[in-house]
């Protein structure tokens, strides 16, 4: 894993964690994305919104390519 890959992984997982815990409970909700039978990632609207922010937009395409591998 390259340093860039590691940095993006940490940032993306932190965003997912923040979304999952947004209601203030100790229990994680469902993950804010789905993967279809063909392996295509579909982001929830809230995750898409977070990744579309200027500080995170470098993660948007990267998330589509790497999310599946992070949760195998």
C-alpha atoms as a PDB file:
ATOM      1  CA  UNK A   1       0.000   0.000   0.000  1.00  0.00           C
ATOM      2  CA  UNK A   2       1.408   3.366  -0.974  1.00  0.00           C
ATOM      3  CA  UNK A   3       1.373   6.348   1.375  1.00  0.00           C
ATOM      4  CA  UNK A   4      -1.255   8.027  -0.818  1.00  0.00           C
ATOM      5  CA  UNK A   5      -3.463   4.929  -0.776  1.00  0.00           C
ATOM      6  CA  UNK A   6      -3.128   4.675   2.989  1.00  0.00           C
ATOM      7  CA  UNK A   7      -3.950   8.367   3.471  1.00  0.00           C
ATOM      8  CA  UNK A   8      -7.044   8.144   1.266  1.00  0.00           C
ATOM      9  CA  UNK A   9      -8.149   4.956   3.025  1.00  0.00           C
ATOM     10  CA  UNK A  10      -7.949   6.618   6.428  1.00  0.00           C
ATOM     11  CA  UNK A  11      -9.776   9.743   5.241  1.00  0.00           C
ATOM     12  CA  UNK A  12     -12.547   7.751   3.566  1.00  0.00           C
ATOM     13  CA  UNK A  13     -13.041   5.430   6.536  1.00  0.00           C
ATOM     14  CA  UNK A  14     -13.175   8.436   8.875  1.00  0.00           C
ATOM     15  CA  UNK A  15     -15.909   9.998   6.728  1.00  0.00           C
ATOM     16  CA  UNK A  16     -17.864   6.724   6.654  1.00  0.00           C
ATOM     17  CA  UNK A  17     -17.495   6.401  10.419  1.00  0.00           C
ATOM     18  CA  UNK A  18     -18.747   9.965  10.972  1.00  0.00           C
ATOM     19  CA  UNK A  19     -21.785   9.275   8.790  1.00  0.00           C
ATOM     20  CA  UNK A  20     -22.526   5.972  10.505  1.00  0.00           C
ATOM     21  CA  UNK A  21     -22.370   7.585  13.957  1.00  0.00           C
ATOM     22  CA  UNK A  22     -24.123  10.825  12.980  1.00  0.00           C
ATOM     23  CA  UNK A  23     -27.190  10.057  15.061  1.00  0.00           C
ATOM     24  CA  UNK A  24     -25.085  10.033  18.251  1.00  0.00           C
ATOM     25  CA  UNK A  25     -25.774   6.411  19.140  1.00  0.00           C
ATOM     26  CA  UNK A  26     -23.164   3.766  19.823  1.00  0.00           C
ATOM     27  CA  UNK A  27     -24.552   1.507  17.110  1.00  0.00           C
ATOM     28  CA  UNK A  28     -23.427   1.779  13.502  1.00  0.00           C
ATOM     29  CA  UNK A  29     -26.115   2.102  10.892  1.00  0.00           C
ATOM     30  CA  UNK A  30     -25.865   0.401   7.553  1.00  0.00           C
ATOM     31  CA  UNK A  31     -22.850   1.418   5.519  1.00  0.00           C
ATOM     32  CA  UNK A  32     -23.481   4.517   3.389  1.00  0.00           C
ATOM     33  CA  UNK A  33     -22.917   2.673   0.115  1.00  0.00           C
ATOM     34  CA  UNK A  34     -24.013  -0.460  -1.684  1.00  0.00           C
ATOM     35  CA  UNK A  35     -22.315  -2.748  -4.175  1.00  0.00           C
ATOM     36  CA  UNK A  36     -24.325  -4.430  -6.909  1.00  0.00           C
ATOM     37  CA  UNK A  37     -23.748  -7.950  -8.239  1.00  0.00           C
ATOM     38  CA  UNK A  38     -21.387  -6.559 -10.857  1.00  0.00           C
ATOM     39  CA  UNK A  39     -19.199  -4.918  -8.224  1.00  0.00           C
ATOM     40  CA  UNK A  40     -20.360  -1.380  -9.007  1.00  0.00           C
ATOM     41  CA  UNK A  41     -20.370   0.888  -5.952  1.00  0.00           C
ATOM     42  CA  UNK A  42     -23.359   3.163  -5.364  1.00  0.00           C
ATOM     43  CA  UNK A  43     -22.802   5.876  -2.770  1.00  0.00           C
ATOM     44  CA  UNK A  44     -25.592   7.057  -0.504  1.00  0.00           C
ATOM     45  CA  UNK A  45     -26.614  10.666  -1.029  1.00  0.00           C
ATOM     46  CA  UNK A  46     -24.950  11.750   2.220  1.00  0.00           C
ATOM     47  CA  UNK A  47     -21.646  10.027   1.378  1.00  0.00           C
ATOM     48  CA  UNK A  48     -21.755  11.477  -2.136  1.00  0.00           C
ATOM     49  CA  UNK A  49     -22.362  14.934  -0.652  1.00  0.00           C
ATOM     50  CA  UNK A  50     -19.389  14.572   1.717  1.00  0.00           C
ATOM     51  CA  UNK A  51     -17.089  13.335  -1.046  1.00  0.00           C
ATOM     52  CA  UNK A  52     -18.181  16.188  -3.302  1.00  0.00           C
ATOM     53  CA  UNK A  53     -16.886  18.808  -0.883  1.00  0.00           C
ATOM     54  CA  UNK A  54     -13.732  20.547  -2.177  1.00  0.00           C
ATOM     55  CA  UNK A  55     -11.553  19.045   0.550  1.00  0.00           C
ATOM     56  CA  UNK A  56     -12.719  15.519  -0.297  1.00  0.00           C
ATOM     57  CA  UNK A  57     -13.318  15.549  -4.037  1.00  0.00           C
ATOM     58  CA  UNK A  58     -10.065  13.635  -4.647  1.00  0.00           C
ATOM     59  CA  UNK A  59     -11.742  10.729  -2.837  1.00  0.00           C
ATOM     60  CA  UNK A  60     -14.844  10.552  -5.030  1.00  0.00           C
ATOM     61  CA  UNK A  61     -13.457   8.523  -7.936  1.00  0.00           C
ATOM     62  CA  UNK A  62     -11.023   6.749  -5.645  1.00  0.00           C
ATOM     63  CA  UNK A  63     -13.898   5.553  -3.436  1.00  0.00           C
ATOM     64  CA  UNK A  64     -15.704   4.021  -6.416  1.00  0.00           C
ATOM     65  CA  UNK A  65     -12.553   2.107  -7.346  1.00  0.00           C
ATOM     66  CA  UNK A  66     -11.467   1.015  -3.858  1.00  0.00           C
ATOM     67  CA  UNK A  67     -14.437   0.738  -1.471  1.00  0.00           C
ATOM     68  CA  UNK A  68     -15.142  -2.905  -2.268  1.00  0.00           C
ATOM     69  CA  UNK A  69     -11.571  -3.924  -1.444  1.00  0.00           C
ATOM     70  CA  UNK A  70     -11.626  -2.059   1.865  1.00  0.00           C
ATOM     71  CA  UNK A  71     -14.583  -4.099   3.110  1.00  0.00           C
ATOM     72  CA  UNK A  72     -13.638  -7.582   1.862  1.00  0.00           C
END
